PDB file of N, CA and C in Angstrom:
ATOM      1  N   MET A   1      30.915  11.914  -1.168  1.00  0.00           N
ATOM      2  CA  MET A   1      30.430  11.489  -0.527  1.00  0.00           C
ATOM      3  C   MET A   1      28.538  11.149  -0.448  1.00  0.00           C
ATOM      4  N   SER A   2      28.401  10.546  -0.677  1.00  0.00           N
ATOM      5  CA  SER A   2      27.018  10.143  -0.391  1.00  0.00           C
ATOM      6  C   SER A   2      26.874   9.433   1.128  1.00  0.00           C
ATOM      7  N   THR A   3      25.300   9.949   1.468  1.00  0.00           N
ATOM      8  CA  THR A   3      24.598   9.270   2.294  1.00  0.00           C
ATOM      9  C   THR A   3      23.333   9.037   2.562  1.00  0.00           C
ATOM     10  N   PRO A   4      22.704   7.889   2.862  1.00  0.00           N
ATOM     11  CA  PRO A   4      21.433   8.334   2.327  1.00  0.00           C
ATOM     12  C   PRO A   4      20.614   8.545   3.380  1.00  0.00           C
ATOM     13  N   VAL A   5      19.226   9.160   2.843  1.00  0.00           N
ATOM     14  CA  VAL A   5      18.471  10.284   3.018  1.00  0.00           C
ATOM     15  C   VAL A   5      17.354   9.244   3.345  1.00  0.00           C
ATOM     16  N   ASN A   6      17.106   9.041   4.913  1.00  0.00           N
ATOM     17  CA  ASN A   6      15.377   8.631   4.916  1.00  0.00           C
ATOM     18  C   ASN A   6      14.802   9.209   5.925  1.00  0.00           C
ATOM     19  N   SER A   7      14.618  10.966   6.040  1.00  0.00           N
ATOM     20  CA  SER A   7      14.117  11.246   6.842  1.00  0.00           C
ATOM     21  C   SER A   7      13.094  12.531   5.694  1.00  0.00           C
ATOM     22  N   LEU A   8      13.742  12.108   4.530  1.00  0.00           N
ATOM     23  CA  LEU A   8      13.430  12.542   3.324  1.00  0.00           C
ATOM     24  C   LEU A   8      12.403  11.865   2.539  1.00  0.00           C
ATOM     25  N   SER A   9      10.984  11.977   1.922  1.00  0.00           N
ATOM     26  CA  SER A   9      10.633  11.572   0.919  1.00  0.00           C
ATOM     27  C   SER A   9      10.493  12.282  -0.446  1.00  0.00           C
ATOM     28  N   ALA A  10      10.646  11.329  -1.531  1.00  0.00           N
ATOM     29  CA  ALA A  10      10.780  11.954  -2.820  1.00  0.00           C
ATOM     30  C   ALA A  10      10.197  13.180  -2.852  1.00  0.00           C
ATOM     31  N   THR A  11       8.963  13.123  -2.564  1.00  0.00           N
ATOM     32  CA  THR A  11       8.199  14.686  -3.010  1.00  0.00           C
ATOM     33  C   THR A  11       8.404  15.353  -2.150  1.00  0.00           C
ATOM     34  N   GLU A  12       9.071  15.717  -1.349  1.00  0.00           N
ATOM     35  CA  GLU A  12       9.900  16.728  -0.296  1.00  0.00           C
ATOM     36  C   GLU A  12      10.996  16.893  -0.518  1.00  0.00           C
ATOM     37  N   MET A  13      11.673  16.141  -2.081  1.00  0.00           N
ATOM     38  CA  MET A  13      12.915  16.233  -1.839  1.00  0.00           C
ATOM     39  C   MET A  13      12.458  17.246  -3.662  1.00  0.00           C
ATOM     40  N   MET A  14      11.321  17.130  -3.824  1.00  0.00           N
ATOM     41  CA  MET A  14      11.269  17.791  -5.375  1.00  0.00           C
ATOM     42  C   MET A  14      10.242  19.222  -5.257  1.00  0.00           C
ATOM     43  N   THR A  15       9.960  19.146  -3.990  1.00  0.00           N
ATOM     44  CA  THR A  15       9.741  20.423  -3.604  1.00  0.00           C
ATOM     45  C   THR A  15      10.426  21.737  -4.147  1.00  0.00           C
ATOM     46  N   PRO A  16       9.349  22.980  -4.498  1.00  0.00           N
ATOM     47  CA  PRO A  16      10.301  24.214  -4.945  1.00  0.00           C
ATOM     48  C   PRO A  16      11.347  24.433  -4.106  1.00  0.00           C
ATOM     49  N   PRO A  17      12.848  25.123  -3.895  1.00  0.00           N
ATOM     50  CA  PRO A  17      13.256  25.329  -5.649  1.00  0.00           C
ATOM     51  C   PRO A  17      14.066  23.855  -5.907  1.00  0.00           C
ATOM     52  N   ALA A  18      13.413  23.132  -5.999  1.00  0.00           N
ATOM     53  CA  ALA A  18      15.039  22.056  -6.503  1.00  0.00           C
ATOM     54  C   ALA A  18      14.251  21.389  -7.751  1.00  0.00           C
ATOM     55  N   THR A  19      15.264  21.461  -8.997  1.00  0.00           N
ATOM     56  CA  THR A  19      14.612  20.776  -9.761  1.00  0.00           C
ATOM     57  C   THR A  19      15.473  19.941 -10.734  1.00  0.00           C
ATOM     58  N   ILE A  20      15.898  19.058 -11.590  1.00  0.00           N
ATOM     59  CA  ILE A  20      16.318  17.832 -12.190  1.00  0.00           C
ATOM     60  C   ILE A  20      17.464  18.723 -12.743  1.00  0.00           C
ATOM     61  N   VAL A  21      19.070  18.624 -12.716  1.00  0.00           N
ATOM     62  CA  VAL A  21      19.944  18.383 -13.008  1.00  0.00           C
ATOM     63  C   VAL A  21      20.710  18.101 -14.258  1.00  0.00           C
ATOM     64  N   LYS A  22      20.385  16.245 -13.385  1.00  0.00           N
ATOM     65  CA  LYS A  22      20.880  15.182 -14.738  1.00  0.00           C
ATOM     66  C   LYS A  22      19.307  14.100 -14.678  1.00  0.00           C
ATOM     67  N   GLU A  23      19.064  13.258 -15.423  1.00  0.00           N
ATOM     68  CA  GLU A  23      18.440  12.004 -15.358  1.00  0.00           C
ATOM     69  C   GLU A  23      18.879  11.007 -16.344  1.00  0.00           C
ATOM     70  N   GLY A  24      18.839  10.059 -15.975  1.00  0.00           N
ATOM     71  CA  GLY A  24      19.550   8.721 -16.984  1.00  0.00           C
ATOM     72  C   GLY A  24      19.332   7.170 -16.754  1.00  0.00           C
ATOM     73  N   TRP A  25      19.630   6.249 -17.169  1.00  0.00           N
ATOM     74  CA  TRP A  25      19.639   5.168 -16.392  1.00  0.00           C
ATOM     75  C   TRP A  25      21.176   5.006 -15.904  1.00  0.00           C
ATOM     76  N   LEU A  26      21.799   4.011 -14.853  1.00  0.00           N
ATOM     77  CA  LEU A  26      23.092   3.832 -14.498  1.00  0.00           C
ATOM     78  C   LEU A  26      22.711   1.795 -13.780  1.00  0.00           C
ATOM     79  N   LEU A  27      23.835   1.812 -13.730  1.00  0.00           N
ATOM     80  CA  LEU A  27      24.282   0.036 -13.577  1.00  0.00           C
ATOM     81  C   LEU A  27      24.408   0.609 -11.781  1.00  0.00           C
ATOM     82  N   LYS A  28      23.667  -0.481 -10.609  1.00  0.00           N
ATOM     83  CA  LYS A  28      23.301  -0.420  -9.529  1.00  0.00           C
ATOM     84  C   LYS A  28      23.808  -1.595  -9.200  1.00  0.00           C
ATOM     85  N   ARG A  29      25.330  -1.690  -8.084  1.00  0.00           N
ATOM     86  CA  ARG A  29      25.353  -2.786  -7.516  1.00  0.00           C
ATOM     87  C   ARG A  29      24.536  -3.347  -6.440  1.00  0.00           C
ATOM     88  N   GLY A  30      24.152  -4.054  -6.329  1.00  0.00           N
ATOM     89  CA  GLY A  30      23.407  -4.767  -5.610  1.00  0.00           C
ATOM     90  C   GLY A  30      24.210  -4.225  -3.999  1.00  0.00           C
ATOM     91  N   GLU A  31      23.351  -4.717  -2.875  1.00  0.00           N
ATOM     92  CA  GLU A  31      24.223  -4.922  -1.619  1.00  0.00           C
ATOM     93  C   GLU A  31      24.633  -6.041  -1.209  1.00  0.00           C
ATOM     94  N   HIS A  32      23.255  -7.295  -1.171  1.00  0.00           N
ATOM     95  CA  HIS A  32      23.544  -8.550  -0.724  1.00  0.00           C
ATOM     96  C   HIS A  32      24.199  -9.206  -1.867  1.00  0.00           C
ATOM     97  N   ILE A  33      23.019  -8.659  -2.904  1.00  0.00           N
ATOM     98  CA  ILE A  33      23.074 -10.045  -3.850  1.00  0.00           C
ATOM     99  C   ILE A  33      23.864  -9.750  -5.365  1.00  0.00           C
ATOM    100  N   LYS A  34      25.090  -9.361  -5.434  1.00  0.00           N
ATOM    101  CA  LYS A  34      25.725  -8.325  -5.789  1.00  0.00           C
ATOM    102  C   LYS A  34      25.892  -8.062  -7.286  1.00  0.00           C
ATOM    103  N   ASN A  35      24.710  -8.544  -7.917  1.00  0.00           N
ATOM    104  CA  ASN A  35      24.772  -8.544  -9.340  1.00  0.00           C
ATOM    105  C   ASN A  35      24.253  -6.843  -9.533  1.00  0.00           C
ATOM    106  N   TRP A  36      24.963  -6.327 -11.348  1.00  0.00           N
ATOM    107  CA  TRP A  36      24.480  -4.593 -11.566  1.00  0.00           C
ATOM    108  C   TRP A  36      22.665  -4.658 -11.744  1.00  0.00           C
ATOM    109  N   ARG A  37      22.112  -3.750 -11.712  1.00  0.00           N
ATOM    110  CA  ARG A  37      20.482  -3.634 -11.840  1.00  0.00           C
ATOM    111  C   ARG A  37      20.390  -2.150 -12.381  1.00  0.00           C
ATOM    112  N   PRO A  38      19.574  -2.326 -14.131  1.00  0.00           N
ATOM    113  CA  PRO A  38      19.851  -0.932 -14.318  1.00  0.00           C
ATOM    114  C   PRO A  38      18.272  -0.159 -13.328  1.00  0.00           C
ATOM    115  N   ARG A  39      18.624   1.132 -13.342  1.00  0.00           N
ATOM    116  CA  ARG A  39      17.998   1.781 -12.365  1.00  0.00           C
ATOM    117  C   ARG A  39      18.197   3.565 -13.030  1.00  0.00           C
ATOM    118  N   TYR A  40      16.822   4.427 -13.096  1.00  0.00           N
ATOM    119  CA  TYR A  40      17.085   5.255 -13.487  1.00  0.00           C
ATOM    120  C   TYR A  40      16.790   6.533 -11.915  1.00  0.00           C
ATOM    121  N   PHE A  41      18.180   7.085 -12.534  1.00  0.00           N
ATOM    122  CA  PHE A  41      17.726   8.290 -11.234  1.00  0.00           C
ATOM    123  C   PHE A  41      18.052   9.708 -11.922  1.00  0.00           C
ATOM    124  N   LEU A  42      17.662  10.502 -10.821  1.00  0.00           N
ATOM    125  CA  LEU A  42      17.561  11.924 -10.977  1.00  0.00           C
ATOM    126  C   LEU A  42      18.434  12.052 -10.186  1.00  0.00           C
ATOM    127  N   LEU A  43      19.284  13.519 -10.275  1.00  0.00           N
ATOM    128  CA  LEU A  43      20.097  14.045  -9.868  1.00  0.00           C
ATOM    129  C   LEU A  43      19.526  15.918  -9.298  1.00  0.00           C
ATOM    130  N   LEU A  44      19.464  15.586  -8.111  1.00  0.00           N
ATOM    131  CA  LEU A  44      18.481  17.573  -7.978  1.00  0.00           C
ATOM    132  C   LEU A  44      19.932  18.516  -8.078  1.00  0.00           C
ATOM    133  N   ASP A  45      18.715  19.667  -7.842  1.00  0.00           N
ATOM    134  CA  ASP A  45      20.023  20.223  -7.328  1.00  0.00           C
ATOM    135  C   ASP A  45      20.269  20.921  -5.991  1.00  0.00           C
ATOM    136  N   ASN A  46      18.969  20.206  -5.448  1.00  0.00           N
ATOM    137  CA  ASN A  46      19.697  20.482  -3.702  1.00  0.00           C
ATOM    138  C   ASN A  46      20.235  19.359  -3.298  1.00  0.00           C
ATOM    139  N   GLY A  47      20.843  18.221  -4.251  1.00  0.00           N
ATOM    140  CA  GLY A  47      22.235  17.150  -4.254  1.00  0.00           C
ATOM    141  C   GLY A  47      21.372  15.826  -3.651  1.00  0.00           C
ATOM    142  N   ALA A  48      20.411  16.046  -3.785  1.00  0.00           N
ATOM    143  CA  ALA A  48      19.530  14.705  -3.936  1.00  0.00           C
ATOM    144  C   ALA A  48      19.426  13.806  -5.098  1.00  0.00           C
ATOM    145  N   LEU A  49      20.415  12.697  -4.901  1.00  0.00           N
ATOM    146  CA  LEU A  49      19.805  11.258  -5.929  1.00  0.00           C
ATOM    147  C   LEU A  49      18.690  10.110  -5.679  1.00  0.00           C
ATOM    148  N   ILE A  50      17.551  10.627  -6.358  1.00  0.00           N
ATOM    149  CA  ILE A  50      17.251   9.421  -6.228  1.00  0.00           C
ATOM    150  C   ILE A  50      17.189   7.978  -7.363  1.00  0.00           C
ATOM    151  N   GLY A  51      16.661   7.412  -7.000  1.00  0.00           N
ATOM    152  CA  GLY A  51      17.056   5.569  -8.274  1.00  0.00           C
ATOM    153  C   GLY A  51      15.314   4.964  -8.289  1.00  0.00           C
ATOM    154  N   PHE A  52      15.023   4.704  -9.159  1.00  0.00           N
ATOM    155  CA  PHE A  52      13.471   3.860  -9.458  1.00  0.00           C
ATOM    156  C   PHE A  52      14.525   2.814 -10.534  1.00  0.00           C
ATOM    157  N   LYS A  53      13.316   1.963 -10.490  1.00  0.00           N
ATOM    158  CA  LYS A  53      13.176   0.446 -11.099  1.00  0.00           C
ATOM    159  C   LYS A  53      12.852   0.963 -12.870  1.00  0.00           C
ATOM    160  N   SER A  54      12.077   1.820 -12.804  1.00  0.00           N
ATOM    161  CA  SER A  54      11.923   2.595 -14.634  1.00  0.00           C
ATOM    162  C   SER A  54      11.761   3.963 -14.296  1.00  0.00           C
ATOM    163  N   LYS A  55      11.593   4.605 -15.198  1.00  0.00           N
ATOM    164  CA  LYS A  55      11.519   5.438 -15.333  1.00  0.00           C
ATOM    165  C   LYS A  55       9.942   6.374 -15.072  1.00  0.00           C
ATOM    166  N   PRO A  56      10.114   7.249 -14.299  1.00  0.00           N
ATOM    167  CA  PRO A  56       8.921   7.739 -13.856  1.00  0.00           C
ATOM    168  C   PRO A  56       7.904   8.169 -14.756  1.00  0.00           C
ATOM    169  N   GLU A  57       7.077   7.985 -14.543  1.00  0.00           N
ATOM    170  CA  GLU A  57       6.056   8.927 -15.723  1.00  0.00           C
ATOM    171  C   GLU A  57       5.483   9.711 -14.657  1.00  0.00           C
ATOM    172  N   HIS A  58       4.763   9.806 -13.938  1.00  0.00           N
ATOM    173  CA  HIS A  58       4.038  10.913 -13.357  1.00  0.00           C
ATOM    174  C   HIS A  58       4.748  11.177 -11.901  1.00  0.00           C
ATOM    175  N   GLY A  59       4.548  11.979 -11.671  1.00  0.00           N
ATOM    176  CA  GLY A  59       5.463  12.253  -9.935  1.00  0.00           C
ATOM    177  C   GLY A  59       7.295  11.163  -9.810  1.00  0.00           C
ATOM    178  N   PHE A  60       7.270  11.515  -8.115  1.00  0.00           N
ATOM    179  CA  PHE A  60       8.469  10.821  -7.994  1.00  0.00           C
ATOM    180  C   PHE A  60       7.880  10.101  -6.910  1.00  0.00           C
ATOM    181  N   ASP A  61       6.717   9.064  -6.741  1.00  0.00           N
ATOM    182  CA  ASP A  61       6.015   7.848  -6.004  1.00  0.00           C
ATOM    183  C   ASP A  61       7.469   6.732  -5.928  1.00  0.00           C
ATOM    184  N   ASP A  62       7.427   6.103  -4.589  1.00  0.00           N
ATOM    185  CA  ASP A  62       7.617   5.254  -4.588  1.00  0.00           C
ATOM    186  C   ASP A  62       9.533   4.587  -5.036  1.00  0.00           C
ATOM    187  N   PRO A  63      10.319   5.306  -4.462  1.00  0.00           N
ATOM    188  CA  PRO A  63      11.667   5.511  -5.301  1.00  0.00           C
ATOM    189  C   PRO A  63      12.081   4.412  -4.650  1.00  0.00           C
ATOM    190  N   LEU A  64      13.435   3.579  -5.463  1.00  0.00           N
ATOM    191  CA  LEU A  64      13.727   2.462  -4.744  1.00  0.00           C
ATOM    192  C   LEU A  64      15.539   2.899  -3.813  1.00  0.00           C
ATOM    193  N   ASN A  65      15.655   4.246  -4.174  1.00  0.00           N
ATOM    194  CA  ASN A  65      16.730   4.877  -3.614  1.00  0.00           C
ATOM    195  C   ASN A  65      17.161   6.529  -3.762  1.00  0.00           C
ATOM    196  N   ASN A  66      16.970   6.479  -2.325  1.00  0.00           N
ATOM    197  CA  ASN A  66      17.749   8.353  -2.141  1.00  0.00           C
ATOM    198  C   ASN A  66      18.817   7.923  -1.149  1.00  0.00           C
ATOM    199  N   PHE A  67      19.061   9.095  -2.342  1.00  0.00           N
ATOM    200  CA  PHE A  67      20.786   9.494  -1.603  1.00  0.00           C
ATOM    201  C   PHE A  67      21.325  11.037  -1.359  1.00  0.00           C
ATOM    202  N   THR A  68      22.112  11.871  -0.833  1.00  0.00           N
ATOM    203  CA  THR A  68      22.368  13.033  -0.748  1.00  0.00           C
ATOM    204  C   THR A  68      23.306  13.177  -1.192  1.00  0.00           C
ATOM    205  N   VAL A  69      24.026  13.757  -2.271  1.00  0.00           N
ATOM    206  CA  VAL A  69      25.175  13.905  -3.091  1.00  0.00           C
ATOM    207  C   VAL A  69      25.796  15.534  -2.957  1.00  0.00           C
ATOM    208  N   LYS A  70      26.323  16.242  -2.067  1.00  0.00           N
ATOM    209  CA  LYS A  70      27.271  17.371  -2.527  1.00  0.00           C
ATOM    210  C   LYS A  70      27.972  17.781  -1.329  1.00  0.00           C
ATOM    211  N   ASP A  71      28.772  18.634  -1.686  1.00  0.00           N
ATOM    212  CA  ASP A  71      30.101  19.066  -0.851  1.00  0.00           C
ATOM    213  C   ASP A  71      29.311  19.476   0.542  1.00  0.00           C
ATOM    214  N   GLU A  72      29.974  19.185   1.737  1.00  0.00           N
ATOM    215  CA  GLU A  72      29.734  19.243   3.143  1.00  0.00           C
ATOM    216  C   GLU A  72      30.880  20.054   3.881  1.00  0.00           C
TER     217      GLU A  72
END
């Protein structure tokens, strides 16, 4: 189950001990315009899944998507 994370910024999600578990390109379907768009996602060990329009070079500012992906 995934839920949007609105209360945490990407920087807060990256504070220790969160580390990147997996990263790479995925296709994400648009919410209103139902086409598929490439997004670069980072899965962190704290359950955060952060999506970007392009691969982040420096820091994790301005993510397009923030989700929590973990068992409750």
